[in-house]
Amino acid sequence: MIFLEGSILANNDIIKEAVADGMRELMRHKTIDHISVTEICEECNLNRRTFYRYFQDKYEVVDWIYYHDTSRTHFGTGDGVSGIIGRT
């Protein structure tokens, strides 16, 4: 679990990355249809209000993961979509 609420380092990118990490972890065990916003918030130790400040819903988190990871792969700085689906 990641604790960020109230942290001095809690900025937009860190919060979004924490939510994305929580979603990735949950997606290792469940399909997106069986994941709730509450579960995502519990996984990354954020409240729902903070979640909704950065994302409209859980599907927007998946979009953010996809575009964030593919842009990092495009520029050679990440593992891209393979990180989302667990391939190396």
PDB file of N, CA and C in Angstrom:
ATOM      1  N   MET A   1       0.827  -1.174   0.000  1.00  0.00           N
ATOM      2  CA  MET A   1       0.000   0.000   0.000  1.00  0.00           C
ATOM      3  C   MET A   1       0.879   1.247   0.000  1.00  0.00           C
ATOM      4  N   ILE A   2       0.407   2.285  -0.650  1.00  0.00           N
ATOM      5  CA  ILE A   2       1.138   3.545  -0.731  1.00  0.00           C
ATOM      6  C   ILE A   2       0.399   4.573   0.101  1.00  0.00           C
ATOM      7  N   PHE A   3       1.096   5.293   0.977  1.00  0.00           N
ATOM      8  CA  PHE A   3       0.464   6.336   1.772  1.00  0.00           C
ATOM      9  C   PHE A   3       0.880   7.690   1.243  1.00  0.00           C
ATOM     10  N   LEU A   4      -0.092   8.457   0.764  1.00  0.00           N
ATOM     11  CA  LEU A   4       0.226   9.764   0.208  1.00  0.00           C
ATOM     12  C   LEU A   4      -0.604  10.896   0.775  1.00  0.00           C
ATOM     13  N   GLU A   5      -1.773  10.619   1.287  1.00  0.00           N
ATOM     14  CA  GLU A   5      -2.676  11.680   1.733  1.00  0.00           C
ATOM     15  C   GLU A   5      -1.966  12.585   2.730  1.00  0.00           C
ATOM     16  N   GLY A   6      -1.911  13.871   2.442  1.00  0.00           N
ATOM     17  CA  GLY A   6      -1.306  14.833   3.338  1.00  0.00           C
ATOM     18  C   GLY A   6       0.207  14.939   3.231  1.00  0.00           C
ATOM     19  N   SER A   7       0.819  14.161   2.392  1.00  0.00           N
ATOM     20  CA  SER A   7       2.268  14.193   2.244  1.00  0.00           C
ATOM     21  C   SER A   7       2.706  15.470   1.542  1.00  0.00           C
ATOM     22  N   ILE A   8       3.857  15.985   1.920  1.00  0.00           N
ATOM     23  CA  ILE A   8       4.411  17.173   1.268  1.00  0.00           C
ATOM     24  C   ILE A   8       4.654  16.903  -0.208  1.00  0.00           C
ATOM     25  N   LEU A   9       4.986  15.661  -0.543  1.00  0.00           N
ATOM     26  CA  LEU A   9       5.300  15.310  -1.925  1.00  0.00           C
ATOM     27  C   LEU A   9       4.070  15.043  -2.780  1.00  0.00           C
ATOM     28  N   ALA A  10       2.876  15.102  -2.178  1.00  0.00           N
ATOM     29  CA  ALA A  10       1.656  14.750  -2.908  1.00  0.00           C
ATOM     30  C   ALA A  10       1.310  15.815  -3.937  1.00  0.00           C
ATOM     31  N   ASN A  11       1.774  15.642  -5.160  1.00  0.00           N
ATOM     32  CA  ASN A  11       1.395  16.536  -6.244  1.00  0.00           C
ATOM     33  C   ASN A  11       0.619  15.740  -7.287  1.00  0.00           C
ATOM     34  N   ASN A  12       0.196  16.392  -8.341  1.00  0.00           N
ATOM     35  CA  ASN A  12      -0.655  15.742  -9.344  1.00  0.00           C
ATOM     36  C   ASN A  12      -0.079  14.442  -9.876  1.00  0.00           C
ATOM     37  N   ASP A  13       1.164  14.466 -10.308  1.00  0.00           N
ATOM     38  CA  ASP A  13       1.756  13.266 -10.903  1.00  0.00           C
ATOM     39  C   ASP A  13       1.920  12.143  -9.893  1.00  0.00           C
ATOM     40  N   ILE A  14       2.297  12.473  -8.681  1.00  0.00           N
ATOM     41  CA  ILE A  14       2.480  11.442  -7.669  1.00  0.00           C
ATOM     42  C   ILE A  14       1.144  10.804  -7.310  1.00  0.00           C
ATOM     43  N   ILE A  15       0.110  11.608  -7.164  1.00  0.00           N
ATOM     44  CA  ILE A  15      -1.223  11.078  -6.847  1.00  0.00           C
ATOM     45  C   ILE A  15      -1.713  10.194  -7.995  1.00  0.00           C
ATOM     46  N   LYS A  16      -1.601  10.684  -9.219  1.00  0.00           N
ATOM     47  CA  LYS A  16      -2.065   9.896 -10.361  1.00  0.00           C
ATOM     48  C   LYS A  16      -1.293   8.589 -10.472  1.00  0.00           C
ATOM     49  N   GLU A  17      -0.001   8.629 -10.250  1.00  0.00           N
ATOM     50  CA  GLU A  17       0.812   7.407 -10.315  1.00  0.00           C
ATOM     51  C   GLU A  17       0.421   6.440  -9.199  1.00  0.00           C
ATOM     52  N   ALA A  18       0.130   6.958  -8.011  1.00  0.00           N
ATOM     53  CA  ALA A  18      -0.298   6.101  -6.901  1.00  0.00           C
ATOM     54  C   ALA A  18      -1.628   5.413  -7.214  1.00  0.00           C
ATOM     55  N   VAL A  19      -2.570   6.174  -7.768  1.00  0.00           N
ATOM     56  CA  VAL A  19      -3.860   5.595  -8.152  1.00  0.00           C
ATOM     57  C   VAL A  19      -3.642   4.541  -9.237  1.00  0.00           C
ATOM     58  N   ALA A  20      -2.801   4.850 -10.208  1.00  0.00           N
ATOM     59  CA  ALA A  20      -2.506   3.897 -11.278  1.00  0.00           C
ATOM     60  C   ALA A  20      -1.859   2.634 -10.728  1.00  0.00           C
ATOM     61  N   ASP A  21      -0.939   2.779  -9.792  1.00  0.00           N
ATOM     62  CA  ASP A  21      -0.307   1.607  -9.177  1.00  0.00           C
ATOM     63  C   ASP A  21      -1.336   0.756  -8.436  1.00  0.00           C
ATOM     64  N   GLY A  22      -2.248   1.428  -7.722  1.00  0.00           N
ATOM     65  CA  GLY A  22      -3.308   0.704  -7.037  1.00  0.00           C
ATOM     66  C   GLY A  22      -4.194  -0.048  -8.012  1.00  0.00           C
ATOM     67  N   MET A  23      -4.534   0.594  -9.111  1.00  0.00           N
ATOM     68  CA  MET A  23      -5.364  -0.048 -10.133  1.00  0.00           C
ATOM     69  C   MET A  23      -4.630  -1.230 -10.761  1.00  0.00           C
ATOM     70  N   ARG A  24      -3.346  -1.054 -11.066  1.00  0.00           N
ATOM     71  CA  ARG A  24      -2.562  -2.158 -11.634  1.00  0.00           C
ATOM     72  C   ARG A  24      -2.569  -3.369 -10.695  1.00  0.00           C
ATOM     73  N   GLU A  25      -2.370  -3.105  -9.414  1.00  0.00           N
ATOM     74  CA  GLU A  25      -2.351  -4.199  -8.436  1.00  0.00           C
ATOM     75  C   GLU A  25      -3.697  -4.908  -8.387  1.00  0.00           C
ATOM     76  N   LEU A  26      -4.774  -4.164  -8.346  1.00  0.00           N
ATOM     77  CA  LEU A  26      -6.102  -4.771  -8.311  1.00  0.00           C
ATOM     78  C   LEU A  26      -6.403  -5.549  -9.587  1.00  0.00           C
ATOM     79  N   MET A  27      -5.936  -5.028 -10.728  1.00  0.00           N
ATOM     80  CA  MET A  27      -6.183  -5.688 -12.011  1.00  0.00           C
ATOM     81  C   MET A  27      -5.402  -7.000 -12.144  1.00  0.00           C
ATOM     82  N   ARG A  28      -4.430  -7.211 -11.286  1.00  0.00           N
ATOM     83  CA  ARG A  28      -3.730  -8.494 -11.290  1.00  0.00           C
ATOM     84  C   ARG A  28      -4.634  -9.609 -10.755  1.00  0.00           C
ATOM     85  N   HIS A  29      -5.658  -9.222  -9.988  1.00  0.00           N
ATOM     86  CA  HIS A  29      -6.507 -10.200  -9.318  1.00  0.00           C
ATOM     87  C   HIS A  29      -7.961 -10.185  -9.796  1.00  0.00           C
ATOM     88  N   LYS A  30      -8.398  -9.085 -10.418  1.00  0.00           N
ATOM     89  CA  LYS A  30      -9.795  -8.935 -10.820  1.00  0.00           C
ATOM     90  C   LYS A  30      -9.880  -8.228 -12.168  1.00  0.00           C
ATOM     91  N   THR A  31     -11.025  -8.416 -12.827  1.00  0.00           N
ATOM     92  CA  THR A  31     -11.290  -7.630 -14.027  1.00  0.00           C
ATOM     93  C   THR A  31     -11.784  -6.248 -13.597  1.00  0.00           C
ATOM     94  N   ILE A  32     -11.694  -5.298 -14.493  1.00  0.00           N
ATOM     95  CA  ILE A  32     -12.072  -3.920 -14.167  1.00  0.00           C
ATOM     96  C   ILE A  32     -13.532  -3.821 -13.733  1.00  0.00           C
ATOM     97  N   ASP A  33     -14.382  -4.667 -14.290  1.00  0.00           N
ATOM     98  CA  ASP A  33     -15.804  -4.630 -13.927  1.00  0.00           C
ATOM     99  C   ASP A  33     -16.039  -5.004 -12.467  1.00  0.00           C
ATOM    100  N   HIS A  34     -15.092  -5.686 -11.859  1.00  0.00           N
ATOM    101  CA  HIS A  34     -15.232  -6.125 -10.467  1.00  0.00           C
ATOM    102  C   HIS A  34     -14.386  -5.301  -9.500  1.00  0.00           C
ATOM    103  N   ILE A  35     -13.869  -4.177  -9.978  1.00  0.00           N
ATOM    104  CA  ILE A  35     -13.079  -3.276  -9.142  1.00  0.00           C
ATOM    105  C   ILE A  35     -13.897  -2.016  -8.897  1.00  0.00           C
ATOM    106  N   SER A  36     -13.992  -1.609  -7.652  1.00  0.00           N
ATOM    107  CA  SER A  36     -14.729  -0.387  -7.321  1.00  0.00           C
ATOM    108  C   SER A  36     -13.749   0.756  -7.041  1.00  0.00           C
ATOM    109  N   VAL A  37     -14.245   1.966  -7.134  1.00  0.00           N
ATOM    110  CA  VAL A  37     -13.431   3.135  -6.791  1.00  0.00           C
ATOM    111  C   VAL A  37     -12.999   3.043  -5.324  1.00  0.00           C
ATOM    112  N   THR A  38     -13.878   2.548  -4.483  1.00  0.00           N
ATOM    113  CA  THR A  38     -13.536   2.382  -3.062  1.00  0.00           C
ATOM    114  C   THR A  38     -12.334   1.458  -2.904  1.00  0.00           C
ATOM    115  N   GLU A  39     -12.305   0.361  -3.646  1.00  0.00           N
ATOM    116  CA  GLU A  39     -11.163  -0.560  -3.574  1.00  0.00           C
ATOM    117  C   GLU A  39      -9.874   0.098  -4.054  1.00  0.00           C
ATOM    118  N   ILE A  40      -9.968   0.880  -5.114  1.00  0.00           N
ATOM    119  CA  ILE A  40      -8.783   1.582  -5.622  1.00  0.00           C
ATOM    120  C   ILE A  40      -8.266   2.531  -4.540  1.00  0.00           C
ATOM    121  N   CYS A  41      -9.166   3.271  -3.930  1.00  0.00           N
ATOM    122  CA  CYS A  41      -8.790   4.219  -2.880  1.00  0.00           C
ATOM    123  C   CYS A  41      -8.164   3.514  -1.687  1.00  0.00           C
ATOM    124  N   GLU A  42      -8.719   2.392  -1.304  1.00  0.00           N
ATOM    125  CA  GLU A  42      -8.151   1.632  -0.188  1.00  0.00           C
ATOM    126  C   GLU A  42      -6.761   1.114  -0.529  1.00  0.00           C
ATOM    127  N   GLU A  43      -6.571   0.682  -1.770  1.00  0.00           N
ATOM    128  CA  GLU A  43      -5.283   0.141  -2.203  1.00  0.00           C
ATOM    129  C   GLU A  43      -4.171   1.183  -2.128  1.00  0.00           C
ATOM    130  N   CYS A  44      -4.482   2.426  -2.458  1.00  0.00           N
ATOM    131  CA  CYS A  44      -3.445   3.471  -2.449  1.00  0.00           C
ATOM    132  C   CYS A  44      -3.608   4.448  -1.288  1.00  0.00           C
ATOM    133  N   ASN A  45      -4.508   4.135  -0.369  1.00  0.00           N
ATOM    134  CA  ASN A  45      -4.710   4.909   0.860  1.00  0.00           C
ATOM    135  C   ASN A  45      -5.067   6.376   0.593  1.00  0.00           C
ATOM    136  N   LEU A  46      -5.984   6.568  -0.346  1.00  0.00           N
ATOM    137  CA  LEU A  46      -6.523   7.895  -0.638  1.00  0.00           C
ATOM    138  C   LEU A  46      -8.026   7.872  -0.393  1.00  0.00           C
ATOM    139  N   ASN A  47      -8.614   9.018  -0.127  1.00  0.00           N
ATOM    140  CA  ASN A  47     -10.067   9.027   0.005  1.00  0.00           C
ATOM    141  C   ASN A  47     -10.717   9.248  -1.362  1.00  0.00           C
ATOM    142  N   ARG A  48     -12.008   8.950  -1.424  1.00  0.00           N
ATOM    143  CA  ARG A  48     -12.734   9.046  -2.694  1.00  0.00           C
ATOM    144  C   ARG A  48     -12.729  10.471  -3.244  1.00  0.00           C
ATOM    145  N   ARG A  49     -12.801  11.429  -2.377  1.00  0.00           N
ATOM    146  CA  ARG A  49     -12.793  12.829  -2.828  1.00  0.00           C
ATOM    147  C   ARG A  49     -11.505  13.149  -3.587  1.00  0.00           C
ATOM    148  N   THR A  50     -10.383  12.671  -3.064  1.00  0.00           N
ATOM    149  CA  THR A  50      -9.104  12.874  -3.751  1.00  0.00           C
ATOM    150  C   THR A  50      -9.102  12.146  -5.084  1.00  0.00           C
ATOM    151  N   PHE A  51      -9.613  10.919  -5.109  1.00  0.00           N
ATOM    152  CA  PHE A  51      -9.695  10.168  -6.359  1.00  0.00           C
ATOM    153  C   PHE A  51     -10.438  10.977  -7.419  1.00  0.00           C
ATOM    154  N   TYR A  52     -11.612  11.481  -7.044  1.00  0.00           N
ATOM    155  CA  TYR A  52     -12.443  12.203  -8.010  1.00  0.00           C
ATOM    156  C   TYR A  52     -11.894  13.589  -8.359  1.00  0.00           C
ATOM    157  N   ARG A  53     -10.970  14.087  -7.609  1.00  0.00           N
ATOM    158  CA  ARG A  53     -10.300  15.338  -7.967  1.00  0.00           C
ATOM    159  C   ARG A  53      -9.408  15.116  -9.200  1.00  0.00           C
ATOM    160  N   TYR A  54      -8.908  13.894  -9.352  1.00  0.00           N
ATOM    161  CA  TYR A  54      -7.956  13.595 -10.424  1.00  0.00           C
ATOM    162  C   TYR A  54      -8.534  12.754 -11.553  1.00  0.00           C
ATOM    163  N   PHE A  55      -9.564  11.965 -11.274  1.00  0.00           N
ATOM    164  CA  PHE A  55     -10.145  11.074 -12.284  1.00  0.00           C
ATOM    165  C   PHE A  55     -11.665  11.096 -12.182  1.00  0.00           C
ATOM    166  N   GLN A  56     -12.331  10.971 -13.350  1.00  0.00           N
ATOM    167  CA  GLN A  56     -13.796  10.916 -13.362  1.00  0.00           C
ATOM    168  C   GLN A  56     -14.306   9.572 -12.863  1.00  0.00           C
ATOM    169  N   ASP A  57     -13.609   8.508 -13.255  1.00  0.00           N
ATOM    170  CA  ASP A  57     -14.033   7.159 -12.884  1.00  0.00           C
ATOM    171  C   ASP A  57     -12.861   6.200 -13.080  1.00  0.00           C
ATOM    172  N   LYS A  58     -13.086   4.928 -12.805  1.00  0.00           N
ATOM    173  CA  LYS A  58     -12.018   3.935 -12.903  1.00  0.00           C
ATOM    174  C   LYS A  58     -11.558   3.735 -14.350  1.00  0.00           C
ATOM    175  N   TYR A  59     -12.429   3.973 -15.297  1.00  0.00           N
ATOM    176  CA  TYR A  59     -12.055   3.811 -16.700  1.00  0.00           C
ATOM    177  C   TYR A  59     -11.064   4.897 -17.133  1.00  0.00           C
ATOM    178  N   GLU A  60     -11.205   6.080 -16.573  1.00  0.00           N
ATOM    179  CA  GLU A  60     -10.246   7.134 -16.873  1.00  0.00           C
ATOM    180  C   GLU A  60      -8.865   6.787 -16.317  1.00  0.00           C
ATOM    181  N   VAL A  61      -8.824   6.066 -15.201  1.00  0.00           N
ATOM    182  CA  VAL A  61      -7.543   5.604 -14.653  1.00  0.00           C
ATOM    183  C   VAL A  61      -6.871   4.661 -15.647  1.00  0.00           C
ATOM    184  N   VAL A  62      -7.638   3.735 -16.202  1.00  0.00           N
ATOM    185  CA  VAL A  62      -7.086   2.797 -17.181  1.00  0.00           C
ATOM    186  C   VAL A  62      -6.591   3.546 -18.411  1.00  0.00           C
ATOM    187  N   ASP A  63      -7.349   4.534 -18.878  1.00  0.00           N
ATOM    188  CA  ASP A  63      -6.899   5.364 -20.005  1.00  0.00           C
ATOM    189  C   ASP A  63      -5.583   6.057 -19.666  1.00  0.00           C
ATOM    190  N   TRP A  64      -5.504   6.624 -18.462  1.00  0.00           N
ATOM    191  CA  TRP A  64      -4.289   7.335 -18.043  1.00  0.00           C
ATOM    192  C   TRP A  64      -3.104   6.370 -18.021  1.00  0.00           C
ATOM    193  N   ILE A  65      -3.317   5.163 -17.489  1.00  0.00           N
ATOM    194  CA  ILE A  65      -2.245   4.166 -17.456  1.00  0.00           C
ATOM    195  C   ILE A  65      -1.779   3.863 -18.874  1.00  0.00           C
ATOM    196  N   TYR A  66      -2.725   3.615 -19.754  1.00  0.00           N
ATOM    197  CA  TYR A  66      -2.377   3.268 -21.137  1.00  0.00           C
ATOM    198  C   TYR A  66      -1.572   4.384 -21.801  1.00  0.00           C
ATOM    199  N   TYR A  67      -2.094   5.598 -21.762  1.00  0.00           N
ATOM    200  CA  TYR A  67      -1.407   6.697 -22.437  1.00  0.00           C
ATOM    201  C   TYR A  67      -0.097   7.071 -21.755  1.00  0.00           C
ATOM    202  N   HIS A  68      -0.071   7.024 -20.448  1.00  0.00           N
ATOM    203  CA  HIS A  68       1.152   7.338 -19.704  1.00  0.00           C
ATOM    204  C   HIS A  68       2.236   6.300 -20.005  1.00  0.00           C
ATOM    205  N   ASP A  69       1.889   5.025 -19.950  1.00  0.00           N
ATOM    206  CA  ASP A  69       2.874   3.973 -20.166  1.00  0.00           C
ATOM    207  C   ASP A  69       3.320   3.876 -21.617  1.00  0.00           C
ATOM    208  N   THR A  70       2.399   4.081 -22.552  1.00  0.00           N
ATOM    209  CA  THR A  70       2.806   4.018 -23.952  1.00  0.00           C
ATOM    210  C   THR A  70       3.656   5.216 -24.330  1.00  0.00           C
ATOM    211  N   SER A  71       3.388   6.367 -23.762  1.00  0.00           N
ATOM    212  CA  SER A  71       4.236   7.524 -24.084  1.00  0.00           C
ATOM    213  C   SER A  71       5.625   7.335 -23.490  1.00  0.00           C
ATOM    214  N   ARG A  72       5.724   6.721 -22.316  1.00  0.00           N
ATOM    215  CA  ARG A  72       7.038   6.439 -21.735  1.00  0.00           C
ATOM    216  C   ARG A  72       7.788   5.431 -22.588  1.00  0.00           C
ATOM    217  N   THR A  73       7.079   4.427 -23.103  1.00  0.00           N
ATOM    218  CA  THR A  73       7.720   3.431 -23.953  1.00  0.00           C
ATOM    219  C   THR A  73       8.174   4.070 -25.261  1.00  0.00           C
ATOM    220  N   HIS A  74       7.335   4.940 -25.806  1.00  0.00           N
ATOM    221  CA  HIS A  74       7.667   5.610 -27.060  1.00  0.00           C
ATOM    222  C   HIS A  74       8.984   6.377 -26.939  1.00  0.00           C
ATOM    223  N   PHE A  75       9.201   6.965 -25.773  1.00  0.00           N
ATOM    224  CA  PHE A  75      10.417   7.731 -25.556  1.00  0.00           C
ATOM    225  C   PHE A  75      11.504   6.921 -24.859  1.00  0.00           C
ATOM    226  N   GLY A  76      11.261   5.608 -24.675  1.00  0.00           N
ATOM    227  CA  GLY A  76      12.275   4.724 -24.131  1.00  0.00           C
ATOM    228  C   GLY A  76      12.526   4.855 -22.642  1.00  0.00           C
ATOM    229  N   THR A  77      11.494   5.252 -21.874  1.00  0.00           N
ATOM    230  CA  THR A  77      11.724   5.434 -20.443  1.00  0.00           C
ATOM    231  C   THR A  77      10.865   4.534 -19.567  1.00  0.00           C
ATOM    232  N   GLY A  78      10.161   3.574 -20.155  1.00  0.00           N
ATOM    233  CA  GLY A  78       9.312   2.729 -19.326  1.00  0.00           C
ATOM    234  C   GLY A  78       9.067   1.391 -19.963  1.00  0.00           C
ATOM    235  N   ASP A  79       8.250   0.589 -19.308  1.00  0.00           N
ATOM    236  CA  ASP A  79       7.964  -0.743 -19.828  1.00  0.00           C
ATOM    237  C   ASP A  79       6.626  -0.819 -20.543  1.00  0.00           C
ATOM    238  N   GLY A  80       5.936   0.290 -20.661  1.00  0.00           N
ATOM    239  CA  GLY A  80       4.729   0.387 -21.466  1.00  0.00           C
ATOM    240  C   GLY A  80       3.597  -0.513 -21.044  1.00  0.00           C
ATOM    241  N   VAL A  81       2.788  -0.902 -22.006  1.00  0.00           N
ATOM    242  CA  VAL A  81       1.595  -1.671 -21.758  1.00  0.00           C
ATOM    243  C   VAL A  81       1.939  -3.018 -21.137  1.00  0.00           C
ATOM    244  N   SER A  82       3.115  -3.573 -21.417  1.00  0.00           N
ATOM    245  CA  SER A  82       3.472  -4.841 -20.816  1.00  0.00           C
ATOM    246  C   SER A  82       3.443  -4.773 -19.305  1.00  0.00           C
ATOM    247  N   GLY A  83       3.715  -3.615 -18.728  1.00  0.00           N
ATOM    248  CA  GLY A  83       3.637  -3.445 -17.285  1.00  0.00           C
ATOM    249  C   GLY A  83       2.213  -3.547 -16.763  1.00  0.00           C
ATOM    250  N   ILE A  84       1.260  -3.158 -17.585  1.00  0.00           N
ATOM    251  CA  ILE A  84      -0.146  -3.219 -17.184  1.00  0.00           C
ATOM    252  C   ILE A  84      -0.630  -4.664 -17.167  1.00  0.00           C
ATOM    253  N   ILE A  85      -0.237  -5.443 -18.168  1.00  0.00           N
ATOM    254  CA  ILE A  85      -0.754  -6.785 -18.268  1.00  0.00           C
ATOM    255  C   ILE A  85       0.188  -7.835 -17.691  1.00  0.00           C
ATOM    256  N   GLY A  86       1.303  -7.412 -17.141  1.00  0.00           N
ATOM    257  CA  GLY A  86       2.171  -8.307 -16.415  1.00  0.00           C
ATOM    258  C   GLY A  86       3.202  -9.066 -17.234  1.00  0.00           C
ATOM    259  N   ARG A  87       3.409  -8.694 -18.482  1.00  0.00           N
ATOM    260  CA  ARG A  87       4.425  -9.344 -19.301  1.00  0.00           C
ATOM    261  C   ARG A  87       5.744  -8.612 -19.157  1.00  0.00           C
ATOM    262  N   THR A  88       6.818  -9.339 -19.360  1.00  0.00           N
ATOM    263  CA  THR A  88       8.148  -8.700 -19.308  1.00  0.00           C
ATOM    264  C   THR A  88       8.824  -8.776 -20.640  1.00  0.00           C
TER     265      THR A  88
END
